[in-house]
Protein backbone atom coordinates (compact mmCIF):
# COMPACT_ATOMS: atom_id res chain seq x y z
CA MET A 1 78.78 -19.22 -38.15
CA LEU A 2 80.07 -17.76 -34.88
CA ASN A 3 76.75 -16.02 -34.38
CA THR A 4 74.89 -19.33 -34.75
CA LYS A 5 77.10 -21.00 -32.12
CA LEU A 6 76.60 -18.11 -29.67
CA THR A 7 72.85 -18.22 -30.20
CA ALA A 8 72.76 -21.99 -29.55
CA PHE A 9 74.91 -21.55 -26.41
CA ALA A 10 72.70 -18.69 -25.17
CA ARG A 11 69.58 -20.82 -25.63
CA PHE A 12 71.21 -23.70 -23.76
CA ALA A 13 72.26 -21.40 -20.89
CA MET A 14 68.80 -19.83 -20.68
CA LEU A 15 67.10 -23.24 -20.58
CA GLY A 16 69.50 -24.40 -17.81
CA THR A 17 68.87 -21.24 -15.78
CA LEU A 18 65.11 -21.56 -16.26
CA GLY A 19 65.28 -25.23 -15.10
CA LEU A 20 67.21 -24.28 -11.96
CA ALA A 21 64.76 -21.47 -11.20
CA LEU A 22 61.73 -23.74 -11.61
CA GLY A 23 63.35 -26.46 -9.48
CA GLY A 24 64.14 -23.97 -6.71
CA ALA A 25 60.60 -22.56 -6.82
CA GLY A 26 59.19 -26.08 -6.62
CA MET A 27 61.31 -26.90 -3.56
CA PHE A 28 60.29 -23.63 -1.90
CA TYR A 29 56.61 -24.39 -2.53
CA TYR A 30 56.94 -27.97 -1.24
CA GLN A 31 58.64 -26.85 1.98
CA LYS A 32 55.92 -24.23 2.56
CA GLN A 33 53.21 -26.86 2.10
CA HIS A 34 54.82 -29.74 4.03
CA GLY A 35 57.26 -28.07 6.40
CA THR A 36 60.92 -28.91 6.81
CA ARG A 37 61.58 -32.50 7.80
CA ARG A 38 64.71 -33.61 9.56
CA SER A 39 66.10 -37.08 9.43
CA ILE A 40 66.86 -38.97 12.65
CA ALA A 41 70.54 -38.75 11.80
CA SER A 42 70.45 -34.96 11.90
CA ILE A 43 68.92 -34.76 15.40
CA SER A 44 72.07 -35.71 17.27
CA PRO A 45 75.52 -36.08 15.78
CA TYR A 46 77.01 -39.55 15.58
CA LYS A 47 79.97 -40.03 17.89
CA PRO A 48 81.96 -43.18 17.16
CA HIS A 49 83.43 -44.81 20.25
CA GLY A 50 86.56 -45.78 18.38
CA LEU A 51 86.14 -49.55 18.75
CA MET A 52 85.78 -51.99 15.89
CA ILE A 53 83.49 -54.76 17.09
CA GLY A 54 83.70 -58.22 15.56
CA LYS A 55 85.95 -61.21 15.64
CA GLN A 56 88.70 -59.30 13.87
CA ALA A 57 88.91 -56.78 16.74
CA ALA A 58 87.21 -58.36 19.74
CA ALA A 59 87.73 -56.70 23.11
CA MET A 60 88.17 -60.14 24.66
CA THR A 61 88.00 -63.81 23.75
CA ILE A 62 86.82 -66.73 25.86
CA GLU A 63 87.25 -70.47 25.60
CA VAL A 64 85.75 -73.01 28.01
CA VAL A 65 87.45 -76.41 28.26
CA GLY A 66 86.05 -79.47 30.00
CA PRO A 67 87.27 -83.03 30.35
CA GLU A 68 87.96 -85.16 27.28
CA ALA A 69 84.77 -87.10 28.03
CA TYR A 70 81.95 -86.15 30.36
CA PRO A 71 80.84 -88.67 33.00
CA ASP A 72 77.87 -90.94 32.38
CA ASN A 73 76.05 -90.04 35.61
CA ASN A 74 75.31 -86.88 37.60
CA THR A 75 77.16 -87.91 40.77
CA GLU A 76 80.66 -87.28 39.42
CA VAL A 77 82.44 -83.94 39.73
CA VAL A 78 83.66 -82.17 36.58
CA GLU A 79 86.19 -79.34 36.29
CA LEU A 80 85.50 -76.60 33.74
CA VAL A 81 88.27 -74.13 32.90
CA GLY A 82 87.66 -70.81 31.22
CA TYR A 83 90.47 -69.02 29.40
CA ILE A 84 89.75 -65.28 29.19
CA THR A 85 91.99 -63.08 27.06
CA GLN A 86 91.56 -59.30 27.09
CA HIS A 87 92.68 -57.56 23.88
CA LEU A 88 91.65 -53.99 24.61
CA GLY A 89 92.29 -51.55 27.45
CA ALA A 90 89.26 -50.83 29.60
CA ASP A 91 87.99 -48.33 32.16
CA SER A 92 86.85 -51.10 34.50
CA ALA A 93 87.95 -54.46 35.80
CA LEU A 94 86.94 -57.41 33.67
CA GLY A 95 83.95 -59.08 35.30
CA TYR A 96 83.04 -62.69 34.62
CA GLU A 97 80.11 -64.92 35.53
CA TRP A 98 79.39 -68.63 35.10
CA SER A 99 75.78 -69.55 34.41
CA LEU A 100 74.74 -73.02 35.61
CA PRO A 101 71.54 -74.79 34.53
CA GLU A 102 69.06 -76.39 36.87
CA GLY A 103 70.39 -79.61 38.36
CA VAL A 104 74.07 -78.56 38.19
CA GLU A 105 75.62 -77.82 41.59
CA LEU A 106 78.71 -75.66 42.19
CA MET A 107 81.25 -77.61 44.25
CA ARG A 108 84.21 -75.20 44.22
CA GLY A 109 85.20 -71.84 42.71
CA PRO A 110 83.44 -68.50 42.39
CA LEU A 111 80.46 -68.19 40.05
CA SER A 112 81.40 -64.56 39.44
CA ASP A 113 84.35 -62.29 40.14
CA ASN A 114 86.36 -59.36 38.79
CA LEU A 115 89.82 -59.60 37.28
CA PHE A 116 92.02 -56.52 37.69
CA ASN A 117 95.02 -55.38 35.63
CA LEU A 118 94.95 -58.22 33.13
CA PRO A 119 97.96 -58.32 30.82
CA MET A 120 96.76 -57.68 27.27
CA GLY A 121 96.77 -60.71 24.99
CA ARG A 122 97.62 -63.26 27.69
CA PRO A 123 94.91 -65.74 28.76
CA GLN A 124 93.74 -65.66 32.36
CA GLN A 125 92.47 -68.98 33.71
CA VAL A 126 89.30 -69.26 35.83
CA SER A 127 87.83 -72.60 36.87
CA ILE A 128 84.94 -74.21 38.71
CA LEU A 129 84.09 -77.72 39.86
CA VAL A 130 80.49 -78.80 39.29
CA ARG A 131 78.35 -81.87 39.90
CA GLY A 132 75.38 -82.86 37.74
CA PHE A 133 76.99 -82.01 34.39
CA SER A 134 76.99 -85.38 32.67
CA ARG A 135 75.98 -87.28 29.56
CA GLU A 136 72.67 -88.30 31.18
CA LYS A 137 70.97 -85.21 29.78
CA GLN A 138 72.04 -82.35 27.49
CA LYS A 139 72.95 -79.34 29.65
CA MET A 140 74.72 -76.10 28.87
CA ILE A 141 77.03 -73.97 31.01
CA SER A 142 78.13 -70.53 29.87
CA LEU A 143 80.88 -68.13 30.86
CA ARG A 144 80.18 -64.44 30.21
CA THR A 145 82.58 -61.50 30.56
CA GLN A 146 82.16 -57.74 30.51
CA VAL A 147 84.40 -54.66 30.53
CA ILE A 148 83.49 -51.01 30.16
CA THR A 149 85.40 -48.81 27.74
CA GLY A 150 84.35 -45.20 27.19
CA ASN A 151 81.00 -45.85 28.95
CA VAL A 152 80.31 -48.68 26.49
CA PRO A 153 79.85 -52.16 27.99
CA LEU A 154 81.61 -54.81 25.91
CA THR A 155 80.71 -58.45 26.44
CA ALA A 156 81.80 -61.88 25.27
CA SER A 157 80.64 -65.37 26.10
CA ALA A 158 81.42 -69.02 25.56
CA VAL A 159 79.32 -72.14 26.03
CA VAL A 160 80.12 -75.75 26.86
CA VAL A 161 77.62 -78.61 26.57
CA SER A 162 77.51 -82.03 28.25
CA ARG A 163 76.57 -83.89 25.04
CA PRO A 164 78.50 -82.19 22.20
CA GLU A 165 77.39 -84.84 19.69
CA ASP A 166 73.77 -83.69 20.12
CA THR A 167 74.39 -80.06 19.13
CA MET A 168 73.23 -78.70 15.79
CA GLU A 169 76.84 -77.99 14.82
CA ALA A 170 77.80 -81.64 15.35
CA LYS A 171 74.77 -82.82 13.37
CA VAL A 172 75.61 -80.47 10.49
CA MET A 173 79.22 -81.65 10.46
CA ASP A 174 78.01 -85.27 10.45
CA LEU A 175 75.66 -84.57 7.53
CA GLN A 176 78.50 -82.86 5.64
CA ALA A 177 80.74 -85.88 6.20
CA GLN A 178 77.99 -88.23 5.01
CA ALA A 179 77.38 -86.09 1.90
CA LYS A 180 81.09 -86.00 1.12
CA ALA A 181 81.35 -89.79 1.52
CA ALA A 182 78.30 -90.31 -0.71
CA ALA A 183 79.76 -87.97 -3.36
CA GLU A 184 83.10 -89.84 -3.28
CA GLU A 185 81.26 -93.16 -3.62
CA ALA A 186 79.19 -91.87 -6.53
CA LYS A 187 82.32 -90.47 -8.21
CA GLY A 188 84.02 -93.86 -7.83
CA LYS A 189 81.05 -95.66 -9.42
CA ASP A 190 80.92 -93.17 -12.31
CA SER A 191 84.61 -93.66 -13.15
CA ASN A 192 84.16 -97.43 -13.48
């Protein structure tokens, strides 16, 4: 009985060894025929910069606030205030830049500047006065920031529009509200 078990084990071991030998010979033959190929990942080692990018760990956040209601015509002056909060140390000053569309005129304040030694986590206020940003026509003004950390430029931006009700977000929210109201109405009819 013991002899039978040893013979079965020996056969199993020989078949395994033969399979490994044939597999190795096949790989050797393939490499001789096709050459060794390297993946792109093996050409240069990956070096993480140590920063998680995304809303959960943003280097900075920006919010642009305008008046409660935008004027009806382009002759009135509007103040826009940007709140920039830096959440991560940087190797450079935080640079910011307002981008104005055609027909919007800067009345006061710098379109771009650098902010030095910002306290982490505390909003810094920057503002401009503009003319031509009204409800007459949909226009968009953006505020963009950039810092450099470990030779990596990190950016953030925020946008404000003169006719918020005409944005796709507002239209989607309106459609959702209409659908919810229609569902409530249908539910009320079904219960009667």
